Amino acid sequence: MKRIRSEKGAALIEAAVTVPIILLISVGIFEFGRAYQTQQVLTNAAREGARLAVIEGSTDAQVRSRVNAYLSGGGLKSLADGQIAITRTTAVTASSTGSTVEILYPFEFMVLNPVVKLIAPKDTKTGAPITMKAATMMRNE
């Protein structure tokens, strides 16, 4: 006598294994795309701040305001003064002077951080926001 086996449950098991993997890959693609977009906005905000910083007579408050305005326009939250560093270098020759604007932005993954916290709940650094950095230096006018 032959035994007849039903394979109805095999498709369900295969789906239960592959669907979470496909979802994790899809969410990862979206999350890292959002991180890349955030880095681009930070880079452009640093450039805007540096453009203003090289103009004679501009203040640090004006530069920070310009950077925060660009961040807000890019859909990011405004930053505190300590997260936007402005350095103005002066020297004897005009060609060696410059202004640097550096931005430190705390970026948090929306979906991946909570998933990581579920996997490793006792680790305090796991799932914490990462700090993105953008810096631009331009020669003073």
C-alpha atoms as a PDB file:
ATOM      1  CA  MET A   1       0.000   0.000   0.000  1.00  0.00           C
ATOM      2  CA  LYS A   2       1.164   3.439  -0.870  1.00  0.00           C
ATOM      3  CA  ARG A   3       0.946   6.273   1.569  1.00  0.00           C
ATOM      4  CA  ILE A   4      -0.483   9.454   0.163  1.00  0.00           C
ATOM      5  CA  ARG A   5       0.982  12.610   1.659  1.00  0.00           C
ATOM      6  CA  SER A   6      -0.666  15.974   1.494  1.00  0.00           C
ATOM      7  CA  GLU A   7       1.570  18.961   0.758  1.00  0.00           C
ATOM      8  CA  LYS A   8      -0.968  21.626   1.607  1.00  0.00           C
ATOM      9  CA  GLY A   9       0.965  22.895   4.601  1.00  0.00           C
ATOM     10  CA  ALA A  10       4.292  23.190   2.762  1.00  0.00           C
ATOM     11  CA  ALA A  11       3.280  26.399   0.979  1.00  0.00           C
ATOM     12  CA  LEU A  12       2.154  27.908   4.262  1.00  0.00           C
ATOM     13  CA  ILE A  13       5.485  27.095   5.940  1.00  0.00           C
ATOM     14  CA  GLU A  14       7.438  28.501   2.983  1.00  0.00           C
ATOM     15  CA  ALA A  15       5.402  31.706   3.097  1.00  0.00           C
ATOM     16  CA  ALA A  16       5.872  32.001   6.871  1.00  0.00           C
ATOM     17  CA  VAL A  17       9.636  31.858   6.373  1.00  0.00           C
ATOM     18  CA  THR A  18      10.036  34.061   3.282  1.00  0.00           C
ATOM     19  CA  VAL A  19       7.517  36.880   3.905  1.00  0.00           C
ATOM     20  CA  PRO A  20       9.301  38.284   7.015  1.00  0.00           C
ATOM     21  CA  ILE A  21      12.643  38.180   5.191  1.00  0.00           C
ATOM     22  CA  ILE A  22      11.212  40.014   2.174  1.00  0.00           C
ATOM     23  CA  LEU A  23       9.570  42.603   4.452  1.00  0.00           C
ATOM     24  CA  LEU A  24      12.817  43.172   6.350  1.00  0.00           C
ATOM     25  CA  ILE A  25      14.733  43.691   3.110  1.00  0.00           C
ATOM     26  CA  SER A  26      12.063  46.089   1.784  1.00  0.00           C
ATOM     27  CA  VAL A  27      11.985  48.123   5.006  1.00  0.00           C
ATOM     28  CA  GLY A  28      15.792  48.200   5.040  1.00  0.00           C
ATOM     29  CA  ILE A  29      15.840  49.630   1.525  1.00  0.00           C
ATOM     30  CA  PHE A  30      13.398  52.382   2.510  1.00  0.00           C
ATOM     31  CA  GLU A  31      15.211  53.154   5.776  1.00  0.00           C
ATOM     32  CA  PHE A  32      18.659  53.444   4.196  1.00  0.00           C
ATOM     33  CA  GLY A  33      17.178  55.531   1.383  1.00  0.00           C
ATOM     34  CA  ARG A  34      15.779  57.900   4.013  1.00  0.00           C
ATOM     35  CA  ALA A  35      19.186  57.990   5.734  1.00  0.00           C
ATOM     36  CA  TYR A  36      20.871  58.870   2.426  1.00  0.00           C
ATOM     37  CA  GLN A  37      18.337  61.622   1.777  1.00  0.00           C
ATOM     38  CA  THR A  38      18.946  62.996   5.293  1.00  0.00           C
ATOM     39  CA  GLN A  39      22.709  63.037   4.659  1.00  0.00           C
ATOM     40  CA  GLN A  40      22.148  64.974   1.435  1.00  0.00           C
ATOM     41  CA  VAL A  41      20.017  67.580   3.226  1.00  0.00           C
ATOM     42  CA  LEU A  42      22.687  67.918   5.943  1.00  0.00           C
ATOM     43  CA  THR A  43      25.425  68.406   3.355  1.00  0.00           C
ATOM     44  CA  ASN A  44      23.442  71.076   1.540  1.00  0.00           C
ATOM     45  CA  ALA A  45      22.543  72.810   4.821  1.00  0.00           C
ATOM     46  CA  ALA A  46      26.241  72.938   5.743  1.00  0.00           C
ATOM     47  CA  ARG A  47      26.983  74.468   2.332  1.00  0.00           C
ATOM     48  CA  GLU A  48      24.288  77.096   2.792  1.00  0.00           C
ATOM     49  CA  GLY A  49      25.662  77.948   6.225  1.00  0.00           C
ATOM     50  CA  ALA A  50      29.221  78.158   4.906  1.00  0.00           C
ATOM     51  CA  ARG A  51      28.112  80.438   2.055  1.00  0.00           C
ATOM     52  CA  LEU A  52      26.686  82.851   4.605  1.00  0.00           C
ATOM     53  CA  ALA A  53      29.614  82.456   7.031  1.00  0.00           C
ATOM     54  CA  VAL A  54      32.177  83.615   4.462  1.00  0.00           C
ATOM     55  CA  ILE A  55      30.405  86.908   3.908  1.00  0.00           C
ATOM     56  CA  GLU A  56      32.006  89.667   5.928  1.00  0.00           C
ATOM     57  CA  GLY A  57      29.747  90.916   8.719  1.00  0.00           C
ATOM     58  CA  SER A  58      27.637  87.782   9.088  1.00  0.00           C
ATOM     59  CA  THR A  59      27.093  86.494  12.611  1.00  0.00           C
ATOM     60  CA  ASP A  60      27.048  82.953  13.956  1.00  0.00           C
ATOM     61  CA  ALA A  61      23.376  83.370  14.859  1.00  0.00           C
ATOM     62  CA  GLN A  62      22.553  84.215  11.241  1.00  0.00           C
ATOM     63  CA  VAL A  63      24.475  81.164  10.029  1.00  0.00           C
ATOM     64  CA  ARG A  64      22.678  78.864  12.488  1.00  0.00           C
ATOM     65  CA  SER A  65      19.349  80.354  11.473  1.00  0.00           C
ATOM     66  CA  ARG A  66      20.110  79.727   7.784  1.00  0.00           C
ATOM     67  CA  VAL A  67      21.151  76.125   8.500  1.00  0.00           C
ATOM     68  CA  ASN A  68      18.001  75.456  10.552  1.00  0.00           C
ATOM     69  CA  ALA A  69      15.831  77.029   7.851  1.00  0.00           C
ATOM     70  CA  TYR A  70      17.377  74.706   5.264  1.00  0.00           C
ATOM     71  CA  LEU A  71      16.915  71.684   7.542  1.00  0.00           C
ATOM     72  CA  SER A  72      13.260  72.594   8.116  1.00  0.00           C
ATOM     73  CA  GLY A  73      12.757  73.022   4.371  1.00  0.00           C
ATOM     74  CA  GLY A  74      14.239  69.557   3.864  1.00  0.00           C
ATOM     75  CA  GLY A  75      11.810  67.989   6.330  1.00  0.00           C
ATOM     76  CA  LEU A  76      14.267  67.635   9.219  1.00  0.00           C
ATOM     77  CA  LYS A  77      13.999  69.030  12.720  1.00  0.00           C
ATOM     78  CA  SER A  78      15.877  72.170  13.719  1.00  0.00           C
ATOM     79  CA  LEU A  79      19.036  71.745  15.751  1.00  0.00           C
ATOM     80  CA  ALA A  80      20.318  73.347  18.930  1.00  0.00           C
ATOM     81  CA  ASP A  81      23.306  75.696  18.840  1.00  0.00           C
ATOM     82  CA  GLY A  82      25.661  72.986  20.150  1.00  0.00           C
ATOM     83  CA  GLN A  83      24.938  70.768  17.150  1.00  0.00           C
ATOM     84  CA  ILE A  84      25.985  73.418  14.618  1.00  0.00           C
ATOM     85  CA  ALA A  85      29.659  74.361  14.958  1.00  0.00           C
ATOM     86  CA  ILE A  86      30.966  77.418  13.134  1.00  0.00           C
ATOM     87  CA  THR A  87      34.698  78.026  12.890  1.00  0.00           C
ATOM     88  CA  ARG A  88      36.167  81.123  11.291  1.00  0.00           C
ATOM     89  CA  THR A  89      39.884  81.057  10.556  1.00  0.00           C
ATOM     90  CA  THR A  90      41.784  84.275  10.027  1.00  0.00           C
ATOM     91  CA  ALA A  91      45.338  84.549   8.758  1.00  0.00           C
ATOM     92  CA  VAL A  92      47.712  87.117   7.335  1.00  0.00           C
ATOM     93  CA  THR A  93      46.985  86.283   3.695  1.00  0.00           C
ATOM     94  CA  ALA A  94      43.447  86.398   2.349  1.00  0.00           C
ATOM     95  CA  SER A  95      43.834  83.118   0.481  1.00  0.00           C
ATOM     96  CA  SER A  96      44.338  81.125   3.678  1.00  0.00           C
ATOM     97  CA  THR A  97      41.291  82.308   5.603  1.00  0.00           C
ATOM     98  CA  GLY A  98      38.130  80.255   5.678  1.00  0.00           C
ATOM     99  CA  SER A  99      34.913  79.460   7.458  1.00  0.00           C
ATOM    100  CA  THR A 100      33.779  75.973   8.388  1.00  0.00           C
ATOM    101  CA  VAL A 101      30.254  74.888   9.253  1.00  0.00           C
ATOM    102  CA  GLU A 102      29.856  71.459  10.844  1.00  0.00           C
ATOM    103  CA  ILE A 103      26.474  69.864  11.580  1.00  0.00           C
ATOM    104  CA  LEU A 104      25.891  66.921  13.925  1.00  0.00           C
ATOM    105  CA  TYR A 105      22.432  65.425  13.415  1.00  0.00           C
ATOM    106  CA  PRO A 106      20.930  62.553  15.443  1.00  0.00           C
ATOM    107  CA  PHE A 107      19.300  60.175  12.944  1.00  0.00           C
ATOM    108  CA  GLU A 108      16.981  57.414  14.084  1.00  0.00           C
ATOM    109  CA  PHE A 109      15.702  54.588  11.939  1.00  0.00           C
ATOM    110  CA  MET A 110      11.917  54.481  12.194  1.00  0.00           C
ATOM    111  CA  VAL A 111      11.347  50.741  11.832  1.00  0.00           C
ATOM    112  CA  LEU A 112      14.753  49.098  12.207  1.00  0.00           C
ATOM    113  CA  ASN A 113      15.555  50.612  15.638  1.00  0.00           C
ATOM    114  CA  PRO A 114      12.471  49.154  17.368  1.00  0.00           C
ATOM    115  CA  VAL A 115      13.124  45.776  15.729  1.00  0.00           C
ATOM    116  CA  VAL A 116      16.721  45.803  16.963  1.00  0.00           C
ATOM    117  CA  LYS A 117      15.546  46.802  20.458  1.00  0.00           C
ATOM    118  CA  LEU A 118      13.232  43.771  20.476  1.00  0.00           C
ATOM    119  CA  ILE A 119      16.120  41.487  19.589  1.00  0.00           C
ATOM    120  CA  ALA A 120      18.595  42.955  22.106  1.00  0.00           C
ATOM    121  CA  PRO A 121      16.532  44.745  24.805  1.00  0.00           C
ATOM    122  CA  LYS A 122      19.286  44.876  27.452  1.00  0.00           C
ATOM    123  CA  ASP A 123      21.950  46.535  25.294  1.00  0.00           C
ATOM    124  CA  THR A 124      21.678  50.302  25.762  1.00  0.00           C
ATOM    125  CA  LYS A 125      23.636  51.273  22.626  1.00  0.00           C
ATOM    126  CA  THR A 126      21.734  48.987  20.287  1.00  0.00           C
ATOM    127  CA  GLY A 127      18.923  50.823  18.541  1.00  0.00           C
ATOM    128  CA  ALA A 128      20.138  54.243  19.677  1.00  0.00           C
ATOM    129  CA  PRO A 129      20.157  57.129  17.192  1.00  0.00           C
ATOM    130  CA  ILE A 130      23.269  57.451  15.055  1.00  0.00           C
ATOM    131  CA  THR A 131      25.004  60.793  14.659  1.00  0.00           C
ATOM    132  CA  MET A 132      25.330  61.996  11.083  1.00  0.00           C
ATOM    133  CA  LYS A 133      27.950  64.623  10.354  1.00  0.00           C
ATOM    134  CA  ALA A 134      28.260  67.109   7.516  1.00  0.00           C
ATOM    135  CA  ALA A 135      30.961  69.747   7.246  1.00  0.00           C
ATOM    136  CA  THR A 136      31.784  72.366   4.641  1.00  0.00           C
ATOM    137  CA  MET A 137      34.685  74.793   4.463  1.00  0.00           C
ATOM    138  CA  MET A 138      34.754  77.798   2.162  1.00  0.00           C
ATOM    139  CA  ARG A 139      37.330  80.508   1.633  1.00  0.00           C
ATOM    140  CA  ASN A 140      36.429  83.891   3.130  1.00  0.00           C
ATOM    141  CA  GLU A 141      35.690  86.761   0.786  1.00  0.00           C
END
